[in-house]
Amino acid sequence: MNNIVKPKETGLKRARTVEEYIDLVKNALFEVEDLRAAIEYDNEGMHDAPVFLEKLENAVRGVYDDMVAGTYAFGREDLAFMSIVRDAEEGALPFKYLLVRINETHKHGLEVEEEN
């Protein structure tokens, strides 16, 4: 299932600065943790969040940890979490656009404003 919409098709832009990119990743981590908490609350603390959520959290945290450690590098390939994003049922990830934006920034670099 390939229901990924590219940022350019939706008007989403890649991060413009390193700081903005780091903030996007921090926001994605917050969103994953928030989704986990909501699922656990709805299930009365049964801790039965979907399996993909733990994998997603680990993958996003890995990107953030690499940034903090100074070992992160932009690349040409999708980030590890994109397979999870592609396979997630519609509506399971209300912040899918954020993950796509992070991935697009990773693959294509920072959005540079063209000067006239």
N, C-alpha and C. Protein backbone atom coordinates (compact mmCIF):
# COMPACT_ATOMS: atom_id res chain seq x y z
N MET A 1 0.87 -1.17 0.00
CA MET A 1 0.00 0.00 0.00
C MET A 1 0.91 1.22 0.00
N ASN A 2 0.80 2.03 -1.00
CA ASN A 2 1.65 3.21 -1.11
C ASN A 2 0.77 4.45 -1.13
N ASN A 3 0.34 4.86 0.06
CA ASN A 3 -0.54 6.01 0.16
C ASN A 3 0.21 7.23 0.69
N ILE A 4 1.48 7.33 0.32
CA ILE A 4 2.30 8.44 0.75
C ILE A 4 2.14 9.58 -0.24
N VAL A 5 1.84 10.74 0.27
CA VAL A 5 1.74 11.93 -0.56
C VAL A 5 3.03 12.72 -0.37
N LYS A 6 3.64 13.07 -1.46
CA LYS A 6 4.89 13.84 -1.40
C LYS A 6 4.61 15.26 -0.92
N PRO A 7 5.52 15.82 -0.13
CA PRO A 7 5.31 17.18 0.38
C PRO A 7 5.01 18.21 -0.70
N LYS A 8 5.66 18.14 -1.84
CA LYS A 8 5.42 19.14 -2.90
C LYS A 8 3.98 19.08 -3.40
N GLU A 9 3.37 17.88 -3.34
CA GLU A 9 2.00 17.73 -3.80
C GLU A 9 1.01 18.35 -2.82
N THR A 10 1.40 18.47 -1.56
CA THR A 10 0.50 19.01 -0.54
C THR A 10 0.90 20.40 -0.10
N GLY A 11 1.98 20.93 -0.66
CA GLY A 11 2.44 22.24 -0.25
C GLY A 11 3.37 22.20 0.95
N LEU A 12 3.63 21.01 1.49
CA LEU A 12 4.57 20.89 2.60
C LEU A 12 5.97 21.12 2.08
N LYS A 13 6.75 21.81 2.86
CA LYS A 13 8.12 22.06 2.46
C LYS A 13 9.06 21.30 3.39
N ARG A 14 10.24 21.04 2.88
CA ARG A 14 11.26 20.43 3.72
C ARG A 14 11.71 21.47 4.75
N ALA A 15 12.39 21.00 5.78
CA ALA A 15 12.93 21.92 6.78
C ALA A 15 13.88 22.89 6.10
N ARG A 16 13.91 24.13 6.59
CA ARG A 16 14.76 25.16 6.00
C ARG A 16 16.10 25.29 6.71
N THR A 17 16.15 24.89 7.97
CA THR A 17 17.39 25.00 8.75
C THR A 17 17.62 23.71 9.53
N VAL A 18 18.83 23.53 9.99
CA VAL A 18 19.14 22.37 10.82
C VAL A 18 18.28 22.39 12.08
N GLU A 19 18.12 23.56 12.67
CA GLU A 19 17.33 23.68 13.90
C GLU A 19 15.88 23.27 13.65
N GLU A 20 15.33 23.70 12.52
CA GLU A 20 13.96 23.34 12.17
C GLU A 20 13.85 21.83 11.96
N TYR A 21 14.84 21.24 11.32
CA TYR A 21 14.85 19.80 11.07
C TYR A 21 14.89 19.03 12.39
N ILE A 22 15.74 19.46 13.31
CA ILE A 22 15.80 18.82 14.63
C ILE A 22 14.46 18.96 15.33
N ASP A 23 13.83 20.12 15.24
CA ASP A 23 12.52 20.32 15.85
C ASP A 23 11.47 19.39 15.25
N LEU A 24 11.53 19.16 13.94
CA LEU A 24 10.59 18.24 13.31
C LEU A 24 10.74 16.84 13.90
N VAL A 25 11.98 16.40 14.07
CA VAL A 25 12.23 15.07 14.63
C VAL A 25 11.77 15.01 16.08
N LYS A 26 12.04 16.07 16.85
CA LYS A 26 11.56 16.12 18.25
C LYS A 26 10.03 16.05 18.28
N ASN A 27 9.39 16.79 17.39
CA ASN A 27 7.92 16.77 17.33
C ASN A 27 7.40 15.39 16.97
N ALA A 28 8.07 14.71 16.06
CA ALA A 28 7.66 13.35 15.69
C ALA A 28 7.78 12.41 16.88
N LEU A 29 8.86 12.55 17.65
CA LEU A 29 9.01 11.73 18.86
C LEU A 29 7.88 12.00 19.84
N PHE A 30 7.56 13.28 20.04
CA PHE A 30 6.45 13.64 20.93
C PHE A 30 5.15 13.02 20.43
N GLU A 31 4.89 13.11 19.13
CA GLU A 31 3.64 12.59 18.57
C GLU A 31 3.54 11.08 18.75
N VAL A 32 4.64 10.36 18.56
CA VAL A 32 4.64 8.91 18.75
C VAL A 32 4.35 8.58 20.21
N GLU A 33 5.02 9.27 21.12
CA GLU A 33 4.80 9.03 22.55
C GLU A 33 3.37 9.38 22.95
N ASP A 34 2.84 10.46 22.40
CA ASP A 34 1.48 10.87 22.69
C ASP A 34 0.47 9.84 22.17
N LEU A 35 0.72 9.33 20.98
CA LEU A 35 -0.17 8.30 20.41
C LEU A 35 -0.13 7.05 21.26
N ARG A 36 1.06 6.66 21.70
CA ARG A 36 1.19 5.48 22.57
C ARG A 36 0.39 5.69 23.86
N ALA A 37 0.54 6.85 24.47
CA ALA A 37 -0.18 7.14 25.72
C ALA A 37 -1.69 7.11 25.51
N ALA A 38 -2.14 7.66 24.40
CA ALA A 38 -3.58 7.67 24.11
C ALA A 38 -4.12 6.25 23.93
N ILE A 39 -3.37 5.42 23.22
CA ILE A 39 -3.80 4.04 23.01
C ILE A 39 -3.83 3.28 24.33
N GLU A 40 -2.80 3.47 25.13
CA GLU A 40 -2.75 2.78 26.42
C GLU A 40 -3.88 3.26 27.33
N TYR A 41 -4.19 4.55 27.29
CA TYR A 41 -5.28 5.07 28.11
C TYR A 41 -6.62 4.50 27.65
N ASP A 42 -6.83 4.50 26.34
CA ASP A 42 -8.08 3.97 25.80
C ASP A 42 -8.26 2.49 26.10
N ASN A 43 -7.15 1.79 26.21
CA ASN A 43 -7.21 0.36 26.51
C ASN A 43 -7.01 0.08 27.99
N GLU A 44 -7.27 1.10 28.81
CA GLU A 44 -7.18 1.00 30.26
C GLU A 44 -5.85 0.44 30.74
N GLY A 45 -4.77 0.97 30.16
CA GLY A 45 -3.44 0.61 30.62
C GLY A 45 -2.99 -0.78 30.26
N MET A 46 -3.63 -1.38 29.28
CA MET A 46 -3.29 -2.76 28.92
C MET A 46 -1.98 -2.84 28.12
N HIS A 47 -1.43 -1.72 27.75
CA HIS A 47 -0.15 -1.66 27.02
C HIS A 47 -0.18 -2.49 25.75
N ASP A 48 -1.30 -2.46 25.06
CA ASP A 48 -1.35 -3.22 23.81
C ASP A 48 -1.38 -2.29 22.60
N ALA A 49 -0.45 -1.35 22.60
CA ALA A 49 -0.29 -0.47 21.45
C ALA A 49 0.14 -1.33 20.26
N PRO A 50 -0.23 -0.94 19.08
CA PRO A 50 0.16 -1.72 17.90
C PRO A 50 1.67 -1.93 17.85
N VAL A 51 2.07 -3.08 17.35
CA VAL A 51 3.49 -3.44 17.27
C VAL A 51 4.26 -2.39 16.46
N PHE A 52 3.64 -1.87 15.40
CA PHE A 52 4.35 -0.90 14.57
C PHE A 52 4.75 0.34 15.35
N LEU A 53 4.01 0.66 16.41
CA LEU A 53 4.28 1.88 17.15
C LEU A 53 5.63 1.82 17.86
N GLU A 54 5.97 0.68 18.42
CA GLU A 54 7.28 0.53 19.07
C GLU A 54 8.40 0.62 18.03
N LYS A 55 8.19 -0.01 16.88
CA LYS A 55 9.20 0.06 15.82
C LYS A 55 9.36 1.50 15.31
N LEU A 56 8.24 2.19 15.17
CA LEU A 56 8.28 3.57 14.72
C LEU A 56 9.01 4.44 15.74
N GLU A 57 8.67 4.27 17.01
CA GLU A 57 9.32 5.05 18.06
C GLU A 57 10.83 4.80 18.06
N ASN A 58 11.24 3.54 17.94
CA ASN A 58 12.67 3.22 17.92
C ASN A 58 13.38 3.84 16.72
N ALA A 59 12.71 3.81 15.56
CA ALA A 59 13.32 4.37 14.35
C ALA A 59 13.46 5.89 14.44
N VAL A 60 12.43 6.57 14.91
CA VAL A 60 12.49 8.04 15.04
C VAL A 60 13.51 8.41 16.12
N ARG A 61 13.50 7.67 17.22
CA ARG A 61 14.47 7.94 18.28
C ARG A 61 15.89 7.72 17.77
N GLY A 62 16.09 6.74 16.91
CA GLY A 62 17.41 6.50 16.33
C GLY A 62 17.90 7.69 15.54
N VAL A 63 17.01 8.30 14.76
CA VAL A 63 17.38 9.51 14.00
C VAL A 63 17.77 10.62 14.95
N TYR A 64 16.94 10.82 15.98
CA TYR A 64 17.22 11.89 16.95
C TYR A 64 18.54 11.62 17.69
N ASP A 65 18.74 10.39 18.13
CA ASP A 65 19.97 10.05 18.84
C ASP A 65 21.20 10.29 17.97
N ASP A 66 21.09 9.96 16.69
CA ASP A 66 22.20 10.22 15.77
C ASP A 66 22.47 11.73 15.66
N MET A 67 21.40 12.52 15.64
CA MET A 67 21.56 13.98 15.59
C MET A 67 22.29 14.49 16.82
N VAL A 68 21.86 14.01 17.98
CA VAL A 68 22.47 14.44 19.24
C VAL A 68 23.94 14.02 19.30
N ALA A 69 24.23 12.82 18.82
CA ALA A 69 25.59 12.30 18.87
C ALA A 69 26.50 12.90 17.80
N GLY A 70 25.89 13.61 16.84
CA GLY A 70 26.67 14.20 15.77
C GLY A 70 27.02 13.21 14.68
N THR A 71 26.33 12.07 14.64
CA THR A 71 26.62 11.05 13.64
C THR A 71 25.57 10.99 12.54
N TYR A 72 24.55 11.85 12.62
CA TYR A 72 23.50 11.84 11.61
C TYR A 72 24.05 12.33 10.28
N ALA A 73 23.60 11.72 9.20
CA ALA A 73 23.99 12.16 7.86
C ALA A 73 22.77 12.11 6.95
N PHE A 74 22.57 13.16 6.18
CA PHE A 74 21.52 13.14 5.17
C PHE A 74 21.84 12.00 4.20
N GLY A 75 20.84 11.47 3.54
CA GLY A 75 21.07 10.37 2.62
C GLY A 75 20.13 10.41 1.43
N ARG A 76 20.25 9.45 0.59
CA ARG A 76 19.41 9.36 -0.61
C ARG A 76 18.28 8.35 -0.44
N GLU A 77 18.41 7.47 0.54
CA GLU A 77 17.43 6.42 0.77
C GLU A 77 16.42 6.87 1.83
N ASP A 78 15.25 6.24 1.81
CA ASP A 78 14.25 6.52 2.84
C ASP A 78 14.78 6.17 4.21
N LEU A 79 14.33 6.91 5.21
CA LEU A 79 14.64 6.56 6.59
C LEU A 79 13.92 5.26 6.93
N ALA A 80 14.43 4.55 7.93
CA ALA A 80 13.91 3.23 8.30
C ALA A 80 12.42 3.23 8.61
N PHE A 81 11.91 4.33 9.17
CA PHE A 81 10.51 4.33 9.57
C PHE A 81 9.53 4.46 8.41
N MET A 82 10.01 4.75 7.22
CA MET A 82 9.09 4.95 6.11
C MET A 82 8.35 3.68 5.71
N SER A 83 8.97 2.52 5.90
CA SER A 83 8.24 1.27 5.61
C SER A 83 7.06 1.13 6.57
N ILE A 84 7.22 1.58 7.79
CA ILE A 84 6.14 1.55 8.78
C ILE A 84 5.05 2.53 8.37
N VAL A 85 5.46 3.72 7.95
CA VAL A 85 4.51 4.76 7.55
C VAL A 85 3.70 4.27 6.35
N ARG A 86 4.35 3.65 5.39
CA ARG A 86 3.65 3.15 4.20
C ARG A 86 2.65 2.05 4.54
N ASP A 87 3.02 1.19 5.50
CA ASP A 87 2.17 0.04 5.83
C ASP A 87 1.07 0.36 6.84
N ALA A 88 1.17 1.50 7.51
CA ALA A 88 0.18 1.85 8.54
C ALA A 88 -1.17 2.10 7.89
N GLU A 89 -2.21 1.62 8.53
CA GLU A 89 -3.56 1.85 8.02
C GLU A 89 -3.86 3.35 8.03
N GLU A 90 -4.67 3.76 7.09
CA GLU A 90 -5.07 5.17 7.00
C GLU A 90 -5.69 5.58 8.33
N GLY A 91 -5.28 6.67 8.86
CA GLY A 91 -5.82 7.16 10.12
C GLY A 91 -5.06 6.66 11.35
N ALA A 92 -4.21 5.66 11.18
CA ALA A 92 -3.45 5.13 12.32
C ALA A 92 -2.34 6.08 12.74
N LEU A 93 -1.90 6.89 11.80
CA LEU A 93 -0.84 7.86 12.06
C LEU A 93 -1.32 9.25 11.68
N PRO A 94 -1.94 9.96 12.62
CA PRO A 94 -2.44 11.29 12.28
C PRO A 94 -1.34 12.29 11.96
N PHE A 95 -0.11 11.95 12.26
CA PHE A 95 1.03 12.84 11.99
C PHE A 95 1.90 12.29 10.86
N LYS A 96 1.30 11.54 9.97
CA LYS A 96 2.03 10.94 8.85
C LYS A 96 2.74 12.01 8.02
N TYR A 97 2.08 13.15 7.80
CA TYR A 97 2.68 14.24 7.01
C TYR A 97 4.01 14.69 7.62
N LEU A 98 4.11 14.68 8.95
CA LEU A 98 5.33 15.10 9.63
C LEU A 98 6.46 14.11 9.33
N LEU A 99 6.15 12.83 9.37
CA LEU A 99 7.16 11.81 9.09
C LEU A 99 7.60 11.88 7.62
N VAL A 100 6.66 12.15 6.73
CA VAL A 100 7.00 12.29 5.32
C VAL A 100 7.90 13.51 5.13
N ARG A 101 7.59 14.59 5.80
CA ARG A 101 8.39 15.81 5.70
C ARG A 101 9.82 15.57 6.20
N ILE A 102 9.95 14.84 7.30
CA ILE A 102 11.28 14.49 7.82
C ILE A 102 12.04 13.66 6.80
N ASN A 103 11.36 12.67 6.24
CA ASN A 103 12.00 11.80 5.26
C ASN A 103 12.42 12.57 4.01
N GLU A 104 11.57 13.46 3.55
CA GLU A 104 11.91 14.25 2.36
C GLU A 104 13.10 15.16 2.63
N THR A 105 13.17 15.72 3.83
CA THR A 105 14.32 16.55 4.18
C THR A 105 15.58 15.69 4.23
N HIS A 106 15.45 14.50 4.80
CA HIS A 106 16.59 13.57 4.87
C HIS A 106 17.12 13.25 3.46
N LYS A 107 16.21 12.96 2.55
CA LYS A 107 16.61 12.53 1.21
C LYS A 107 17.04 13.68 0.30
N HIS A 108 16.44 14.85 0.45
CA HIS A 108 16.68 15.93 -0.50
C HIS A 108 17.35 17.15 0.11
N GLY A 109 17.67 17.09 1.41
CA GLY A 109 18.35 18.20 2.05
C GLY A 109 17.39 19.30 2.48
N LEU A 110 17.96 20.32 3.03
CA LEU A 110 17.17 21.45 3.53
C LEU A 110 16.56 22.22 2.36
N GLU A 111 15.40 22.80 2.60
CA GLU A 111 14.70 23.62 1.59
C GLU A 111 15.43 24.96 1.51
N VAL A 112 15.92 25.30 0.38
CA VAL A 112 16.66 26.55 0.21
C VAL A 112 15.79 27.51 -0.59
N GLU A 113 15.62 28.69 -0.02
CA GLU A 113 14.86 29.73 -0.71
C GLU A 113 15.72 30.29 -1.82
N GLU A 114 15.17 30.36 -3.01
CA GLU A 114 15.93 30.93 -4.12
C GLU A 114 15.85 32.45 -4.06
N GLU A 115 17.01 33.08 -4.21
CA GLU A 115 17.05 34.54 -4.21
C GLU A 115 16.90 35.04 -5.64
N ASN A 116 16.18 36.13 -5.79
CA ASN A 116 15.98 36.70 -7.12
C ASN A 116 17.05 37.70 -7.44
